[in-house]
Amino acid sequence: LIGAIDGFSPYFQDLVFERLLQHLKPGGRIYVVGLTPIPDLLDGPENVFCKITRVRDACIKLAGDRCYREYPMNWIVRHLKRSGLQVIDTFSLPIRYTAELMTVQINVCRRKLGNFPTKGLSDEMSALLNKLEEEARIATEDGPLLIGTDYVVSAELPFELDDDELDDDEEQIDYKTALLEEL
């Protein structure tokens, strides 16, 4: 949700939750799904994915488009609270990157090559993408790479009730269990 906004409506991310408040009734919930930002550099074979994401972003910019940007869970929690929402729970799962999943990002780059300023630059980038695809295949020969997490943050628009009017025994949706069952 939030990461994609930068590509279409930049400099609005810090206000999006306030904007969404008008669509919630008291007790209404919002679930924010996100991806921890990929670091610029990692030790070991995981670094190949860091290189792929840097090259992907460069290709997007060279093609004249805007990159999206991911936000860490603590940024999301902080801005949900600032907007007046009560954070109910957070949950994260590690991401397992296979060679195929990394190739998806490389193919984003390949689709941008036709919009590069020169054919020479496009040809050089194409060669680099082929090299990165081979590096990804080699890096995952022993299995997927664990890099970062996907996360879910649930938040609720509070009721305007006194504390003694709240029912602590109210049944809550256990989305963690439901999510794990889906996996």
Protein backbone atom coordinates (compact mmCIF):
# COMPACT_ATOMS: atom_id res chain seq x y z
CA LEU A 1 0.00 0.00 0.00
CA ILE A 2 2.33 2.71 1.21
CA GLY A 3 5.40 1.74 -0.84
CA ALA A 4 3.49 1.90 -4.11
CA ILE A 5 2.19 5.40 -3.41
CA ASP A 6 5.61 6.96 -4.04
CA GLY A 7 5.48 5.84 -7.67
CA PHE A 8 2.12 7.50 -8.31
CA SER A 9 1.63 10.21 -5.70
CA PRO A 10 5.02 11.11 -4.26
CA TYR A 11 5.43 12.93 -0.96
CA PHE A 12 1.98 11.88 0.28
CA GLN A 13 2.84 8.76 2.30
CA ASP A 14 2.90 10.52 5.68
CA LEU A 15 -0.69 11.71 5.14
CA VAL A 16 -2.31 8.59 3.72
CA PHE A 17 -3.55 7.17 7.02
CA GLU A 18 -5.22 10.45 7.95
CA ARG A 19 -6.90 10.37 4.55
CA LEU A 20 -8.11 6.80 5.11
CA LEU A 21 -9.62 7.66 8.52
CA GLN A 22 -12.72 9.11 6.85
CA HIS A 23 -13.53 5.63 5.52
CA LEU A 24 -13.46 3.96 8.95
CA LYS A 25 -16.21 3.81 11.53
CA PRO A 26 -15.26 3.66 15.22
CA GLY A 27 -13.93 0.16 15.76
CA GLY A 28 -13.16 -0.16 12.06
CA ARG A 29 -9.86 -1.76 11.17
CA ILE A 30 -7.18 -1.24 8.60
CA TYR A 31 -4.56 -3.84 7.73
CA VAL A 32 -1.32 -2.52 6.27
CA VAL A 33 0.78 -5.05 4.37
CA GLY A 34 4.38 -4.13 3.74
CA LEU A 35 7.86 -5.28 2.87
CA THR A 36 10.93 -4.31 4.84
CA PRO A 37 13.26 -2.26 2.66
CA ILE A 38 16.05 -4.29 1.05
CA PRO A 39 19.46 -3.12 2.30
CA ASP A 40 22.02 -1.75 -0.13
CA LEU A 41 24.55 -4.39 0.88
CA LEU A 42 24.56 -7.76 2.63
CA ASP A 43 27.30 -10.25 3.36
CA GLY A 44 27.27 -13.59 1.58
CA PRO A 45 25.18 -14.82 -1.33
CA GLU A 46 22.22 -12.64 -0.25
CA ASN A 47 24.05 -9.63 -1.64
CA VAL A 48 23.08 -10.65 -5.17
CA PHE A 49 19.51 -9.58 -4.43
CA CYS A 50 20.74 -6.24 -3.08
CA LYS A 51 22.55 -5.71 -6.40
CA ILE A 52 19.44 -6.72 -8.35
CA THR A 53 17.24 -4.22 -6.49
CA ARG A 54 19.76 -1.40 -7.02
CA VAL A 55 19.98 -2.19 -10.75
CA ARG A 56 16.16 -2.49 -10.96
CA ASP A 57 15.75 0.98 -9.49
CA ALA A 58 18.40 2.37 -11.83
CA CYS A 59 16.61 0.84 -14.83
CA ILE A 60 13.29 2.32 -13.75
CA LYS A 61 14.86 5.78 -13.44
CA LEU A 62 16.79 5.49 -16.72
CA ALA A 63 13.49 4.64 -18.42
CA GLY A 64 12.01 7.88 -17.05
CA ASP A 65 9.75 6.31 -14.42
CA ARG A 66 9.53 6.66 -10.63
CA CYS A 67 10.55 3.88 -8.28
CA TYR A 68 8.33 2.74 -5.49
CA ARG A 69 9.77 2.77 -2.01
CA GLU A 70 9.17 0.39 0.87
CA TYR A 71 8.78 1.51 4.47
CA PRO A 72 9.90 -0.38 7.57
CA MET A 73 7.23 -1.60 9.95
CA ASN A 74 8.27 0.88 12.67
CA TRP A 75 7.59 3.79 10.25
CA ILE A 76 4.12 2.38 9.53
CA VAL A 77 3.34 1.92 13.23
CA ARG A 78 4.53 5.44 14.05
CA HIS A 79 2.37 7.03 11.33
CA LEU A 80 -0.70 4.95 12.15
CA LYS A 81 -0.47 6.20 15.74
CA ARG A 82 0.11 9.82 14.64
CA SER A 83 -3.04 9.65 12.55
CA GLY A 84 -5.13 8.67 15.58
CA LEU A 85 -5.37 4.94 14.97
CA GLN A 86 -4.68 2.40 17.68
CA VAL A 87 -2.21 -0.29 16.61
CA ILE A 88 -3.70 -3.65 17.56
CA ASP A 89 -1.03 -6.09 16.41
CA THR A 90 1.94 -6.64 14.12
CA PHE A 91 3.14 -9.77 12.38
CA SER A 92 6.03 -10.55 10.05
CA LEU A 93 7.25 -13.49 7.99
CA PRO A 94 10.69 -13.98 6.43
CA ILE A 95 10.87 -13.74 2.64
CA ARG A 96 12.42 -16.66 0.79
CA TYR A 97 13.99 -15.50 -2.48
CA THR A 98 14.42 -18.15 -5.15
CA ALA A 99 16.28 -17.63 -8.41
CA GLU A 100 12.87 -17.40 -10.11
CA LEU A 101 11.68 -14.67 -7.77
CA MET A 102 14.86 -12.68 -8.34
CA THR A 103 14.43 -13.14 -12.10
CA VAL A 104 11.02 -11.46 -11.80
CA GLN A 105 12.84 -8.31 -10.65
CA ILE A 106 15.43 -8.68 -13.42
CA ASN A 107 12.59 -8.93 -15.95
CA VAL A 108 11.22 -5.61 -14.65
CA CYS A 109 14.56 -4.21 -15.81
CA ARG A 110 14.38 -5.92 -19.18
CA ARG A 111 10.97 -4.40 -19.87
CA LYS A 112 12.46 -0.93 -19.28
CA LEU A 113 15.41 -1.29 -21.69
CA GLY A 114 13.44 -0.02 -24.70
CA ASN A 115 12.97 3.33 -22.95
CA PHE A 116 16.66 3.92 -22.18
CA PRO A 117 18.24 7.07 -23.65
CA THR A 118 20.62 5.13 -25.95
CA LYS A 119 20.87 1.69 -27.49
CA GLY A 120 24.43 1.35 -26.21
CA LEU A 121 23.32 1.89 -22.63
CA SER A 122 20.49 -0.58 -23.14
CA ASP A 123 22.88 -3.20 -24.54
CA GLU A 124 25.31 -2.78 -21.62
CA MET A 125 22.50 -3.06 -19.10
CA SER A 126 21.16 -6.15 -20.84
CA ALA A 127 24.56 -7.84 -20.43
CA LEU A 128 24.62 -6.90 -16.73
CA LEU A 129 21.11 -8.32 -16.26
CA ASN A 130 22.18 -11.62 -17.80
CA LYS A 131 25.15 -11.73 -15.40
CA LEU A 132 22.92 -10.98 -12.40
CA GLU A 133 20.48 -13.70 -13.42
CA GLU A 134 23.34 -16.22 -13.46
CA GLU A 135 24.57 -14.95 -10.07
CA ALA A 136 21.06 -15.42 -8.66
CA ARG A 137 20.93 -18.99 -9.97
CA ILE A 138 24.32 -19.81 -8.39
CA ALA A 139 23.46 -18.08 -5.09
CA THR A 140 20.33 -20.21 -4.67
CA GLU A 141 21.77 -23.59 -5.64
CA ASP A 142 21.49 -24.71 -2.01
CA GLY A 143 18.02 -23.25 -1.55
CA PRO A 144 16.23 -19.92 -1.29
CA LEU A 145 17.86 -16.91 0.34
CA LEU A 146 16.18 -15.41 3.42
CA ILE A 147 16.19 -11.63 3.04
CA GLY A 148 13.90 -9.28 4.92
CA THR A 149 10.29 -9.79 5.87
CA ASP A 150 6.76 -9.20 4.74
CA TYR A 151 4.64 -7.74 7.52
CA VAL A 152 1.07 -6.94 8.49
CA VAL A 153 0.08 -4.20 10.92
CA SER A 154 -3.51 -4.06 12.12
CA ALA A 155 -4.89 -0.81 13.47
CA GLU A 156 -8.29 0.35 14.59
CA LEU A 157 -10.16 3.61 14.88
CA PRO A 158 -10.90 3.79 18.62
CA PHE A 159 -14.41 4.06 20.00
CA GLU A 160 -15.13 7.18 21.99
CA LEU A 161 -16.12 5.15 25.07
CA ASP A 162 -14.98 5.26 28.68
CA ASP A 163 -12.54 2.50 29.63
CA ASP A 164 -15.16 0.75 31.82
CA GLU A 165 -17.55 0.54 28.83
CA LEU A 166 -15.10 -1.45 26.71
CA ASP A 167 -15.65 -5.20 26.49
CA ASP A 168 -12.20 -6.81 26.86
CA ASP A 169 -13.67 -10.21 26.04
CA GLU A 170 -14.79 -9.15 22.58
CA GLU A 171 -13.76 -11.78 20.04
CA GLN A 172 -10.90 -10.62 17.84
CA ILE A 173 -10.12 -11.91 14.36
CA ASP A 174 -6.93 -13.97 14.58
CA TYR A 175 -5.44 -13.02 11.22
CA LYS A 176 -2.04 -14.47 12.17
CA THR A 177 -3.50 -17.96 12.39
CA ALA A 178 -5.44 -17.45 9.17
CA LEU A 179 -2.32 -16.21 7.37
CA LEU A 180 -0.22 -19.15 8.57
CA GLU A 181 -2.93 -21.60 7.51
CA GLU A 182 -2.80 -20.10 4.01
CA LEU A 183 0.95 -20.83 3.82
